[in-house]
Amino acid sequence: MKIKTRISAAAAAGLLAVAFAPNLADAATGPTPGAGSDTLPGKPGGAGGDSSAFAGIDVKSGQAVLAAVKNVNAPVVGCVVRADDPDTLIYNKPPIIAQGEIVRCTVPKPDDCRVETDLEEYFTFEGVWSVVANGSVKRGCNIGRASRSTASYKCSHDAHGSHKYRTKTWLTVTYRGQNATNAATSGEKSWWCF
């Protein structure tokens, strides 16, 4: 059994790389990695652009697979989740919306999936990202809108400057009683919130 591996430029720079088993690489459920798609593997957080992450289970060992598959004979069952950059419906007007969803799954799919999106704000003085809004929890390994989790936050005006926000979308997959969890983190966006 051959494993098809796709590594983005970001992975070559030492960021998270994901190797996809043949059943994921050949699935007709989304764009092909490396073909100009923002869905697999993602751009680094903080540099702008949507981000993706893989969570899966090694069928033989039952171990979680979150990065490159080292054993070429280990079939993997899992999904890829995407975190979209936060956005507003009207420029600089609340609410700020954060969304994430499953964009791809292996064939066969995991037994269950759990997707939840958080909107995080960067607090400059503390130097930390903190969750300011939790999105809905979506169950099932559905691709696209059916798995979309949305968080909404009504920011308030701050005369001291803009605030940075990012989306973090968590994916937990379950297969034969084993769980694997990973998160995709979007790029940052700033708003004044008038």
C-alpha atoms as a PDB file:
ATOM      1  CA  MET A   1       0.000   0.000   0.000  1.00  0.00           C
ATOM      2  CA  LYS A   2       1.457   3.347  -0.998  1.00  0.00           C
ATOM      3  CA  ILE A   3       0.858   6.516   1.008  1.00  0.00           C
ATOM      4  CA  LYS A   4       0.438   9.798  -0.823  1.00  0.00           C
ATOM      5  CA  THR A   5       2.085  12.609   1.092  1.00  0.00           C
ATOM      6  CA  ARG A   6       1.459  16.287   0.453  1.00  0.00           C
ATOM      7  CA  ILE A   7       3.504  18.883   2.322  1.00  0.00           C
ATOM      8  CA  SER A   8       2.877  22.608   1.990  1.00  0.00           C
ATOM      9  CA  ALA A   9       5.549  25.283   1.912  1.00  0.00           C
ATOM     10  CA  ALA A  10       4.634  26.076   5.525  1.00  0.00           C
ATOM     11  CA  ALA A  11       5.370  22.465   6.487  1.00  0.00           C
ATOM     12  CA  ALA A  12       8.767  22.723   4.847  1.00  0.00           C
ATOM     13  CA  ALA A  13       9.420  25.692   7.130  1.00  0.00           C
ATOM     14  CA  GLY A  14       8.915  23.432  10.132  1.00  0.00           C
ATOM     15  CA  LEU A  15       5.202  23.931  10.737  1.00  0.00           C
ATOM     16  CA  LEU A  16       2.630  21.157  11.086  1.00  0.00           C
ATOM     17  CA  ALA A  17       2.786  18.753   8.153  1.00  0.00           C
ATOM     18  CA  VAL A  18       0.122  16.226   7.414  1.00  0.00           C
ATOM     19  CA  ALA A  19       0.547  13.097   5.356  1.00  0.00           C
ATOM     20  CA  PHE A  20      -2.702  11.765   4.016  1.00  0.00           C
ATOM     21  CA  ALA A  21      -3.436   8.095   3.586  1.00  0.00           C
ATOM     22  CA  PRO A  22      -4.645   7.100   0.101  1.00  0.00           C
ATOM     23  CA  ASN A  23      -8.278   6.999   1.209  1.00  0.00           C
ATOM     24  CA  LEU A  24      -8.101  10.724   2.140  1.00  0.00           C
ATOM     25  CA  ALA A  25      -5.967  11.889  -0.758  1.00  0.00           C
ATOM     26  CA  ASP A  26      -8.261  10.229  -3.267  1.00  0.00           C
ATOM     27  CA  ALA A  27     -11.554  11.269  -1.664  1.00  0.00           C
ATOM     28  CA  ALA A  28     -13.653  13.414  -3.968  1.00  0.00           C
ATOM     29  CA  THR A  29     -14.862  15.590  -1.108  1.00  0.00           C
ATOM     30  CA  GLY A  30     -12.727  18.675  -1.569  1.00  0.00           C
ATOM     31  CA  PRO A  31      -9.809  20.325  -3.328  1.00  0.00           C
ATOM     32  CA  THR A  32      -6.538  18.509  -3.836  1.00  0.00           C
ATOM     33  CA  PRO A  33      -3.815  19.601  -1.409  1.00  0.00           C
ATOM     34  CA  GLY A  34      -1.082  21.647  -2.988  1.00  0.00           C
ATOM     35  CA  ALA A  35      -3.299  22.728  -5.887  1.00  0.00           C
ATOM     36  CA  GLY A  36      -3.755  26.325  -4.775  1.00  0.00           C
ATOM     37  CA  SER A  37      -6.215  25.349  -2.049  1.00  0.00           C
ATOM     38  CA  ASP A  38      -6.361  26.991   1.374  1.00  0.00           C
ATOM     39  CA  THR A  39      -8.009  23.924   2.885  1.00  0.00           C
ATOM     40  CA  LEU A  40      -5.067  21.516   3.333  1.00  0.00           C
ATOM     41  CA  PRO A  41      -2.540  21.973   5.206  1.00  0.00           C
ATOM     42  CA  GLY A  42      -3.081  25.520   6.448  1.00  0.00           C
ATOM     43  CA  LYS A  43      -1.167  28.734   6.407  1.00  0.00           C
ATOM     44  CA  PRO A  44       0.571  29.712   9.623  1.00  0.00           C
ATOM     45  CA  GLY A  45      -1.593  31.581  12.133  1.00  0.00           C
ATOM     46  CA  GLY A  46      -0.730  35.236  12.468  1.00  0.00           C
ATOM     47  CA  ALA A  47       0.199  35.619   8.832  1.00  0.00           C
ATOM     48  CA  GLY A  48      -3.368  35.889   7.566  1.00  0.00           C
ATOM     49  CA  GLY A  49      -5.316  33.297   5.680  1.00  0.00           C
ATOM     50  CA  ASP A  50      -7.465  30.378   6.714  1.00  0.00           C
ATOM     51  CA  SER A  51      -5.838  27.392   8.402  1.00  0.00           C
ATOM     52  CA  SER A  52      -6.460  23.633   8.460  1.00  0.00           C
ATOM     53  CA  ALA A  53      -5.626  20.732  10.775  1.00  0.00           C
ATOM     54  CA  PHE A  54      -5.965  16.932  10.568  1.00  0.00           C
ATOM     55  CA  ALA A  55      -7.134  14.593  13.332  1.00  0.00           C
ATOM     56  CA  GLY A  56      -7.255  10.863  12.775  1.00  0.00           C
ATOM     57  CA  ILE A  57      -6.823   7.394  14.239  1.00  0.00           C
ATOM     58  CA  ASP A  58      -4.315   4.772  13.074  1.00  0.00           C
ATOM     59  CA  VAL A  59      -6.587   1.793  12.280  1.00  0.00           C
ATOM     60  CA  LYS A  60      -4.048  -0.844  13.350  1.00  0.00           C
ATOM     61  CA  SER A  61      -2.651   0.690  16.544  1.00  0.00           C
ATOM     62  CA  GLY A  62      -5.621   2.840  17.603  1.00  0.00           C
ATOM     63  CA  GLN A  63      -3.236   5.750  18.227  1.00  0.00           C
ATOM     64  CA  ALA A  64      -4.083   9.374  17.442  1.00  0.00           C
ATOM     65  CA  VAL A  65      -2.548  10.776  14.249  1.00  0.00           C
ATOM     66  CA  LEU A  66      -2.135  14.552  14.148  1.00  0.00           C
ATOM     67  CA  ALA A  67       0.968  15.005  11.999  1.00  0.00           C
ATOM     68  CA  ALA A  68       2.949  13.167   9.345  1.00  0.00           C
ATOM     69  CA  VAL A  69       2.333   9.405   9.171  1.00  0.00           C
ATOM     70  CA  LYS A  70       5.649   7.636   9.758  1.00  0.00           C
ATOM     71  CA  ASN A  71       4.487   4.058   9.149  1.00  0.00           C
ATOM     72  CA  VAL A  72       3.583   3.798   5.475  1.00  0.00           C
ATOM     73  CA  ASN A  73       1.558   0.625   6.139  1.00  0.00           C
ATOM     74  CA  ALA A  74      -0.728   2.284   8.718  1.00  0.00           C
ATOM     75  CA  PRO A  75      -4.136   3.174   7.277  1.00  0.00           C
ATOM     76  CA  VAL A  76      -5.621   6.247   8.945  1.00  0.00           C
ATOM     77  CA  VAL A  77      -9.264   7.255   9.474  1.00  0.00           C
ATOM     78  CA  GLY A  78      -9.867  10.950  10.126  1.00  0.00           C
ATOM     79  CA  CYS A  79     -10.960  14.387   8.944  1.00  0.00           C
ATOM     80  CA  VAL A  80      -9.576  17.836   8.194  1.00  0.00           C
ATOM     81  CA  VAL A  81     -11.063  20.916   9.851  1.00  0.00           C
ATOM     82  CA  ARG A  82     -10.649  24.515   8.650  1.00  0.00           C
ATOM     83  CA  ALA A  83     -10.712  27.727  10.697  1.00  0.00           C
ATOM     84  CA  ASP A  84     -11.780  30.729   8.621  1.00  0.00           C
ATOM     85  CA  ASP A  85     -10.385  34.178   9.367  1.00  0.00           C
ATOM     86  CA  PRO A  86     -12.760  36.120  11.631  1.00  0.00           C
ATOM     87  CA  ASP A  87     -14.918  38.660   9.828  1.00  0.00           C
ATOM     88  CA  THR A  88     -17.713  41.187  10.265  1.00  0.00           C
ATOM     89  CA  LEU A  89     -20.906  41.527   8.280  1.00  0.00           C
ATOM     90  CA  ILE A  90     -20.413  45.301   8.064  1.00  0.00           C
ATOM     91  CA  TYR A  91     -16.888  46.755   8.061  1.00  0.00           C
ATOM     92  CA  ASN A  92     -15.699  47.534  11.625  1.00  0.00           C
ATOM     93  CA  LYS A  93     -19.180  46.965  13.066  1.00  0.00           C
ATOM     94  CA  PRO A  94     -19.955  44.212  15.564  1.00  0.00           C
ATOM     95  CA  PRO A  95     -20.534  41.351  15.715  1.00  0.00           C
ATOM     96  CA  ILE A  96     -17.277  39.643  14.838  1.00  0.00           C
ATOM     97  CA  ILE A  97     -17.972  36.199  13.390  1.00  0.00           C
ATOM     98  CA  ALA A  98     -15.659  33.177  13.639  1.00  0.00           C
ATOM     99  CA  GLN A  99     -16.431  30.009  11.663  1.00  0.00           C
ATOM    100  CA  GLY A 100     -14.908  26.598  11.150  1.00  0.00           C
ATOM    101  CA  GLU A 101     -15.998  23.362   9.511  1.00  0.00           C
ATOM    102  CA  ILE A 102     -14.902  19.944   8.309  1.00  0.00           C
ATOM    103  CA  VAL A 103     -13.584  20.175   4.753  1.00  0.00           C
ATOM    104  CA  ARG A 104     -12.479  16.594   4.122  1.00  0.00           C
ATOM    105  CA  CYS A 105     -12.731  13.104   5.576  1.00  0.00           C
ATOM    106  CA  THR A 106     -11.245   9.737   4.803  1.00  0.00           C
ATOM    107  CA  VAL A 107     -13.271   6.957   3.261  1.00  0.00           C
ATOM    108  CA  PRO A 108     -14.462   5.386   5.474  1.00  0.00           C
ATOM    109  CA  LYS A 109     -15.263   8.286   7.769  1.00  0.00           C
ATOM    110  CA  PRO A 110     -14.659   8.180  11.539  1.00  0.00           C
ATOM    111  CA  ASP A 111     -17.521   6.886  13.705  1.00  0.00           C
ATOM    112  CA  ASP A 112     -18.157  10.378  15.117  1.00  0.00           C
ATOM    113  CA  CYS A 113     -16.795  13.914  14.935  1.00  0.00           C
ATOM    114  CA  ARG A 114     -17.162  16.947  17.193  1.00  0.00           C
ATOM    115  CA  VAL A 115     -16.474  20.455  15.849  1.00  0.00           C
ATOM    116  CA  GLU A 116     -16.414  23.597  17.997  1.00  0.00           C
ATOM    117  CA  THR A 117     -15.192  27.085  17.088  1.00  0.00           C
ATOM    118  CA  ASP A 118     -13.815  29.724  19.460  1.00  0.00           C
ATOM    119  CA  LEU A 119     -13.145  33.399  18.774  1.00  0.00           C
ATOM    120  CA  GLU A 120      -9.978  34.516  20.517  1.00  0.00           C
ATOM    121  CA  GLU A 121      -8.800  38.066  21.281  1.00  0.00           C
ATOM    122  CA  TYR A 122      -5.170  39.017  21.874  1.00  0.00           C
ATOM    123  CA  PHE A 123      -4.607  40.878  25.125  1.00  0.00           C
ATOM    124  CA  THR A 124      -1.475  42.952  24.555  1.00  0.00           C
ATOM    125  CA  PHE A 125      -0.582  43.741  28.155  1.00  0.00           C
ATOM    126  CA  GLU A 126      -0.795  40.096  29.223  1.00  0.00           C
ATOM    127  CA  GLY A 127       0.628  38.815  25.930  1.00  0.00           C
ATOM    128  CA  VAL A 128      -1.967  36.025  25.669  1.00  0.00           C
ATOM    129  CA  TRP A 129      -4.813  34.899  23.427  1.00  0.00           C
ATOM    130  CA  SER A 130      -8.076  34.390  25.313  1.00  0.00           C
ATOM    131  CA  VAL A 131     -11.446  32.988  24.232  1.00  0.00           C
ATOM    132  CA  VAL A 132     -14.114  35.725  24.063  1.00  0.00           C
ATOM    133  CA  ALA A 133     -16.867  33.675  22.349  1.00  0.00           C
ATOM    134  CA  ASN A 134     -17.679  29.968  21.983  1.00  0.00           C
ATOM    135  CA  GLY A 135     -19.454  28.618  18.954  1.00  0.00           C
ATOM    136  CA  SER A 136     -22.033  25.917  18.631  1.00  0.00           C
ATOM    137  CA  VAL A 137     -20.937  22.284  18.918  1.00  0.00           C
ATOM    138  CA  LYS A 138     -21.604  20.246  15.773  1.00  0.00           C
ATOM    139  CA  ARG A 139     -21.680  16.451  15.879  1.00  0.00           C
ATOM    140  CA  GLY A 140     -21.215  14.047  12.996  1.00  0.00           C
ATOM    141  CA  CYS A 141     -18.546  13.824  10.312  1.00  0.00           C
ATOM    142  CA  ASN A 142     -20.420  15.893   7.745  1.00  0.00           C
ATOM    143  CA  ILE A 143     -18.453  17.970   5.283  1.00  0.00           C
ATOM    144  CA  GLY A 144     -19.107  21.683   4.793  1.00  0.00           C
ATOM    145  CA  ARG A 145     -22.062  23.672   6.097  1.00  0.00           C
ATOM    146  CA  ALA A 146     -23.554  20.763   8.072  1.00  0.00           C
ATOM    147  CA  SER A 147     -20.453  20.711  10.309  1.00  0.00           C
ATOM    148  CA  ARG A 148     -20.016  24.502  10.514  1.00  0.00           C
ATOM    149  CA  SER A 149     -19.588  25.904  14.009  1.00  0.00           C
ATOM    150  CA  THR A 150     -20.030  29.678  14.408  1.00  0.00           C
ATOM    151  CA  ALA A 151     -19.018  31.971  17.264  1.00  0.00           C
ATOM    152  CA  SER A 152     -20.238  35.566  17.425  1.00  0.00           C
ATOM    153  CA  TYR A 153     -18.865  38.401  19.583  1.00  0.00           C
ATOM    154  CA  LYS A 154     -20.146  41.937  20.049  1.00  0.00           C
ATOM    155  CA  CYS A 155     -17.012  43.968  20.661  1.00  0.00           C
ATOM    156  CA  SER A 156     -17.156  47.463  22.119  1.00  0.00           C
ATOM    157  CA  HIS A 157     -15.378  50.615  20.969  1.00  0.00           C
ATOM    158  CA  ASP A 158     -11.937  51.206  22.446  1.00  0.00           C
ATOM    159  CA  ALA A 159     -10.340  54.610  21.814  1.00  0.00           C
ATOM    160  CA  HIS A 160      -6.898  53.158  22.603  1.00  0.00           C
ATOM    161  CA  GLY A 161      -6.654  51.233  19.359  1.00  0.00           C
ATOM    162  CA  SER A 162      -7.704  48.175  17.461  1.00  0.00           C
ATOM    163  CA  HIS A 163      -7.874  44.655  18.858  1.00  0.00           C
ATOM    164  CA  LYS A 164      -6.583  41.450  17.251  1.00  0.00           C
ATOM    165  CA  TYR A 165      -8.866  38.445  16.813  1.00  0.00           C
ATOM    166  CA  ARG A 166      -8.432  34.932  15.426  1.00  0.00           C
ATOM    167  CA  THR A 167     -10.522  31.792  14.982  1.00  0.00           C
ATOM    168  CA  LYS A 168      -9.650  28.463  16.583  1.00  0.00           C
ATOM    169  CA  THR A 169     -11.691  25.453  15.457  1.00  0.00           C
ATOM    170  CA  TRP A 170     -11.381  22.208  17.406  1.00  0.00           C
ATOM    171  CA  LEU A 171     -11.979  18.794  15.847  1.00  0.00           C
ATOM    172  CA  THR A 172     -12.306  15.555  17.813  1.00  0.00           C
ATOM    173  CA  VAL A 173     -12.728  12.356  15.810  1.00  0.00           C
ATOM    174  CA  THR A 174     -13.775   8.996  17.289  1.00  0.00           C
ATOM    175  CA  TYR A 175     -13.075   5.669  15.634  1.00  0.00           C
ATOM    176  CA  ARG A 176     -13.588   2.277  17.331  1.00  0.00           C
ATOM    177  CA  GLY A 177     -13.664   3.955  20.747  1.00  0.00           C
ATOM    178  CA  GLN A 178     -10.418   5.920  20.274  1.00  0.00           C
ATOM    179  CA  ASN A 179     -10.284   9.742  20.111  1.00  0.00           C
ATOM    180  CA  ALA A 180      -7.961  12.213  18.409  1.00  0.00           C
ATOM    181  CA  THR A 181      -8.217  15.984  18.831  1.00  0.00           C
ATOM    182  CA  ASN A 182      -6.542  18.788  16.903  1.00  0.00           C
ATOM    183  CA  ALA A 183      -7.241  22.467  16.285  1.00  0.00           C
ATOM    184  CA  ALA A 184      -6.901  24.754  13.283  1.00  0.00           C
ATOM    185  CA  THR A 185      -6.024  28.390  14.008  1.00  0.00           C
ATOM    186  CA  SER A 186      -6.733  31.142  11.488  1.00  0.00           C
ATOM    187  CA  GLY A 187      -4.674  34.207  10.773  1.00  0.00           C
ATOM    188  CA  GLU A 188      -5.206  37.373  12.813  1.00  0.00           C
ATOM    189  CA  LYS A 189      -7.476  40.298  11.953  1.00  0.00           C
ATOM    190  CA  SER A 190      -7.766  43.638  13.743  1.00  0.00           C
ATOM    191  CA  TRP A 191     -10.825  45.829  14.359  1.00  0.00           C
ATOM    192  CA  TRP A 192     -11.565  49.134  16.082  1.00  0.00           C
ATOM    193  CA  CYS A 193     -15.221  48.175  16.622  1.00  0.00           C
ATOM    194  CA  PHE A 194     -17.024  51.481  16.249  1.00  0.00           C
END
